[in-house]
Protein backbone atom coordinates (compact mmCIF):
# COMPACT_ATOMS: atom_id res chain seq x y z
CA MET A 1 0.00 0.00 0.00
CA PRO A 2 1.43 3.45 -0.92
CA GLU A 3 3.06 5.44 1.87
CA LEU A 4 0.59 8.29 1.33
CA GLU A 5 -2.25 6.01 2.44
CA HIS A 6 -0.20 5.02 5.51
CA GLN A 7 -0.01 8.69 6.48
CA GLU A 8 -3.75 9.13 5.97
CA LEU A 9 -4.54 6.12 8.14
CA ARG A 10 -2.25 7.39 10.89
CA LYS A 11 -4.50 10.45 11.17
CA LEU A 12 -7.35 8.19 12.24
CA TYR A 13 -7.60 7.91 16.03
CA LEU A 14 -7.78 4.14 15.78
CA PHE A 15 -4.23 3.93 14.42
CA SER A 16 -2.68 7.13 15.73
CA LYS A 17 -1.04 5.84 18.95
CA MET A 18 -0.12 2.27 18.09
CA ALA A 19 3.53 1.24 17.94
CA ASN A 20 5.06 1.77 14.52
CA LYS A 21 6.20 -1.85 14.17
CA ASN A 22 2.67 -3.04 14.90
CA PHE A 23 1.21 -0.55 12.45
CA GLN A 24 3.59 -1.77 9.76
CA SER A 25 2.64 -5.38 10.52
CA LEU A 26 -1.02 -4.47 10.24
CA MET A 27 -0.45 -2.76 6.90
CA ARG A 28 1.51 -5.65 5.45
CA GLY A 29 -1.61 -7.50 4.33
CA ALA A 30 -3.71 -4.40 3.65
CA TYR A 31 -4.47 -3.00 0.23
CA VAL A 32 -6.29 -0.04 -1.32
CA GLN A 33 -9.00 -0.33 -3.94
CA ASN A 34 -11.14 2.15 -5.86
CA PHE A 35 -14.83 1.32 -6.22
CA PRO A 36 -17.41 2.90 -8.55
CA PRO A 37 -20.79 4.12 -7.23
CA ARG A 38 -23.52 1.66 -6.17
CA ILE A 39 -21.19 -1.30 -5.64
CA GLU A 40 -22.06 -3.62 -2.76
CA LEU A 41 -18.91 -4.11 -0.71
CA ILE A 42 -20.15 -6.46 1.99
CA THR A 43 -23.36 -8.41 2.58
CA GLU A 44 -24.95 -8.97 5.97
CA GLY A 45 -24.57 -12.51 7.21
CA GLU A 46 -21.21 -13.01 5.48
CA PRO A 47 -17.99 -13.52 7.51
CA SER A 48 -16.15 -10.34 8.42
CA ASP A 49 -12.99 -10.97 6.43
CA PHE A 50 -11.83 -7.35 6.31
CA LEU A 51 -11.93 -4.14 8.28
CA HIS A 52 -12.76 -1.38 5.79
CA VAL A 53 -11.48 2.19 6.02
CA VAL A 54 -13.01 4.90 3.83
CA LEU A 55 -10.34 7.27 2.46
CA SER A 56 -12.63 9.11 0.03
CA GLY A 57 -16.22 8.92 -1.14
CA SER A 58 -19.10 7.74 1.07
CA ILE A 59 -20.69 4.46 2.10
CA ASP A 60 -24.29 3.47 2.78
CA LEU A 61 -24.73 0.91 5.56
CA PHE A 62 -28.06 -0.81 5.01
CA SER A 63 -30.03 -3.92 5.90
CA ARG A 64 -32.66 -6.12 4.24
CA TRP A 65 -35.43 -8.29 5.67
CA ASN A 66 -38.56 -9.89 4.25
CA GLY A 67 -38.41 -7.98 0.99
CA ARG A 68 -37.73 -4.62 2.61
CA ASP A 69 -34.51 -2.66 3.04
CA THR A 70 -33.47 0.35 5.07
CA SER A 71 -30.45 2.63 5.33
CA MET A 72 -28.81 2.44 8.75
CA ALA A 73 -25.99 4.98 8.53
CA THR A 74 -23.61 6.84 6.23
CA VAL A 75 -19.83 6.48 6.54
CA TRP A 76 -17.65 9.43 5.54
CA PRO A 77 -13.84 9.72 5.27
CA ILE A 78 -11.71 8.99 7.14
CA SER A 79 -13.44 6.28 9.18
CA THR A 80 -13.87 2.55 9.55
CA PHE A 81 -16.75 0.11 9.14
CA ILE A 82 -17.79 -2.42 10.56
CA LEU A 83 -15.33 -2.74 13.47
CA ALA A 84 -17.46 -4.83 15.88
CA ALA A 85 -17.79 -7.73 13.45
CA THR A 86 -14.04 -7.70 12.84
CA ILE A 87 -13.14 -7.83 16.53
CA ASN A 88 -15.76 -10.47 17.38
CA ASN A 89 -14.93 -12.58 14.30
CA ALA A 90 -18.68 -12.52 13.67
CA PRO A 91 -20.89 -12.15 10.58
CA TYR A 92 -21.71 -8.67 9.35
CA LEU A 93 -25.03 -7.38 10.71
CA MET A 94 -25.28 -4.81 7.91
CA SER A 95 -24.48 -4.61 4.23
CA ALA A 96 -22.47 -1.78 2.71
CA ARG A 97 -22.44 -0.13 -0.72
CA THR A 98 -20.73 2.87 -2.21
CA LEU A 99 -22.82 5.99 -2.71
CA GLU A 100 -20.21 7.52 -5.01
CA LYS A 101 -16.76 6.68 -6.31
CA SER A 102 -14.87 5.64 -3.19
CA ARG A 103 -11.35 4.71 -2.18
CA ILE A 104 -11.27 1.99 0.46
CA VAL A 105 -8.51 0.36 2.50
CA LEU A 106 -9.14 -3.33 3.25
CA ILE A 107 -7.31 -4.73 6.28
CA PRO A 108 -7.57 -8.47 6.98
CA SER A 109 -9.66 -8.99 10.10
CA GLN A 110 -7.38 -11.70 11.44
CA ASP A 111 -4.48 -9.20 11.40
CA VAL A 112 -6.57 -6.64 13.30
CA ARG A 113 -7.34 -9.21 16.00
CA ALA A 114 -3.69 -10.28 16.20
CA ILE A 115 -2.43 -6.72 16.73
CA PHE A 116 -5.29 -6.08 19.20
CA ASP A 117 -3.72 -8.75 21.42
CA VAL A 118 -0.24 -7.21 21.48
CA ASP A 119 -0.69 -3.41 21.21
CA ALA A 120 -2.34 -1.82 24.25
CA ASN A 121 -2.79 1.59 22.61
CA PHE A 122 -4.49 0.01 19.60
CA ALA A 123 -6.75 -2.05 21.88
CA ARG A 124 -7.76 1.05 23.88
CA ALA A 125 -8.50 2.94 20.66
CA ILE A 126 -10.70 0.08 19.45
CA VAL A 127 -12.61 0.02 22.75
CA THR A 128 -13.08 3.80 22.52
CA GLU A 129 -14.39 3.60 18.95
CA LEU A 130 -16.77 0.77 19.81
CA ALA A 131 -18.03 2.78 22.79
CA GLN A 132 -18.64 5.78 20.53
CA CYS A 133 -20.52 3.54 18.08
CA TYR A 134 -22.67 2.21 20.92
CA ARG A 135 -23.50 5.73 22.08
CA ALA A 136 -24.39 6.72 18.51
CA VAL A 137 -26.80 3.77 18.32
CA VAL A 138 -28.45 4.83 21.60
CA LYS A 139 -28.88 8.38 20.31
CA THR A 140 -30.35 7.12 17.05
CA GLN A 141 -32.80 4.93 18.97
CA LYS A 142 -33.82 7.89 21.14
CA ASP A 143 -34.37 9.97 18.02
CA LEU A 144 -36.59 7.28 16.48
CA LYS A 145 -38.56 6.37 19.61
CA LEU A 146 -39.03 9.75 21.33
CA ARG A 147 -39.71 12.04 18.38
CA THR A 148 -42.44 12.34 15.80
CA SER A 149 -41.48 12.15 12.12
CA LEU A 150 -41.75 15.95 11.90
CA GLU A 151 -39.42 16.41 14.88
CA ARG A 152 -36.93 13.90 13.46
CA LEU A 153 -36.80 15.72 10.15
CA ALA A 154 -36.46 19.12 11.83
CA ASN A 155 -33.53 17.98 13.96
CA HIS A 156 -31.90 16.21 11.02
CA LEU A 157 -31.99 19.46 9.04
CA LEU A 158 -30.51 21.39 11.97
CA ARG A 159 -27.68 18.85 12.29
CA GLN A 160 -26.98 19.01 8.57
CA GLN A 161 -27.09 22.80 8.67
CA ARG A 162 -24.35 22.76 11.34
CA ARG A 163 -22.23 20.43 9.19
CA ALA A 164 -22.75 22.86 6.28
CA GLY A 165 -21.25 25.68 8.33
CA GLY A 166 -24.48 27.13 9.69
CA GLU A 167 -25.64 28.62 6.38
CA THR A 168 -29.35 29.31 6.00
CA ALA A 169 -29.33 27.55 2.60
CA PHE A 170 -27.70 24.16 1.97
CA ASP A 171 -28.14 20.98 -0.03
CA LEU A 172 -29.28 17.62 1.30
CA GLU A 173 -26.43 15.15 1.58
CA PHE A 174 -28.32 12.47 -0.36
CA GLU A 175 -31.55 11.89 -2.26
CA LYS A 176 -34.89 12.16 -0.45
CA ARG A 177 -35.75 8.47 -0.77
CA ARG A 178 -32.63 7.54 1.18
CA LEU A 179 -33.23 10.35 3.69
CA ALA A 180 -36.69 8.92 4.33
CA SER A 181 -35.15 5.51 4.99
CA VAL A 182 -32.57 6.94 7.40
CA LEU A 183 -35.31 8.74 9.33
CA GLY A 184 -37.57 5.68 9.49
CA MET A 185 -40.17 7.15 7.15
CA THR A 186 -41.73 6.39 3.78
CA PRO A 187 -41.01 8.82 0.90
CA GLU A 188 -44.64 9.94 1.09
CA ASN A 189 -44.37 10.69 4.81
CA LEU A 190 -41.16 12.60 4.20
CA SER A 191 -42.87 14.76 1.60
CA ARG A 192 -45.66 15.53 4.07
CA ALA A 193 -43.10 16.26 6.78
CA PHE A 194 -41.32 18.82 4.60
CA LYS A 195 -44.67 20.51 4.04
CA GLY A 196 -45.32 20.37 7.78
CA LEU A 197 -42.09 22.30 8.46
CA HIS A 198 -43.03 25.12 6.10
CA PRO A 199 -44.76 27.13 8.90
CA TYR A 200 -41.44 26.97 10.83
CA GLY A 201 -39.47 28.64 8.05
CA VAL A 202 -38.30 25.61 6.05
CA THR A 203 -38.61 25.65 2.27
CA VAL A 204 -37.37 22.94 -0.07
CA ASP A 205 -36.64 23.00 -3.78
CA GLY A 206 -35.37 19.63 -4.96
CA THR A 207 -32.42 18.95 -2.66
CA ARG A 208 -31.98 22.62 -1.73
CA ILE A 209 -33.07 23.54 1.80
CA VAL A 210 -33.60 27.09 3.04
CA ILE A 211 -34.22 27.89 6.72
CA SER A 212 -35.65 31.40 6.91
CA ASP A 213 -36.67 31.37 10.59
CA GLN A 214 -33.91 29.73 12.61
CA ALA A 215 -35.35 30.55 16.02
CA ASP A 216 -38.80 29.21 15.20
CA LEU A 217 -37.44 25.95 13.79
CA GLU A 218 -35.19 25.41 16.82
CA LYS A 219 -38.06 26.20 19.18
CA PHE A 220 -40.13 23.49 17.48
CA ALA A 221 -37.31 20.91 17.12
CA LYS A 222 -35.88 21.30 20.65
CA PRO A 223 -32.43 19.91 19.72
CA ASP A 224 -30.78 17.99 22.55
CA PRO A 225 -27.03 17.22 22.71
CA LEU A 226 -27.86 13.87 24.33
CA ILE A 227 -29.57 12.93 21.06
CA ASP A 228 -28.19 15.18 18.36
CA ASP A 229 -24.51 15.71 19.23
CA PHE A 230 -22.70 12.60 18.02
CA SER A 231 -19.34 13.94 19.19
CA THR A 232 -20.23 13.41 22.87
């Protein structure tokens, strides 16, 4: 794997404090691959042969059951997926596909587990990342179970607005059908929810969102860091 990718991976907290000899051992069997959009990388139920690291692009984590499918999360650079399956040597609980052209590092899972046993800093970083993933799942469950569809959409838009730098106008990160899936809604319910937010200063034109009354939208949404701040 090119040295440039080594440097990029070292920026990731998971690999930042591990001993250099252990990092080099971990990278020995790793390789980088470019994938076009809409390619399924892993399938739920299959063995977790590799730990994946997204260097560029974006990944949709999704699941299927009984003829239905739903988007679970989006993975952005630079981050890993799905670490828990790798550490537990267990089947994937989710599938993953590229949303756009993506550059992915594939690290053999057996090598990750081997280095976990000998590098304390790497092991602590893995525990920290798994703890953060658990907390993110709890927050997502709170969002789904405690809020109405209108409240979920309102808080999602406020979170995306913050990621867009706080601008009053910004574009949705992905198409509305996928947004509906992420929020636990049907496309029809999402359309009604957008209309329901119009009195609170939200207008939508395609994927373009404009928030004209910030205070009113926040008063309705009641954002809560224990649900909406995924950095805590």
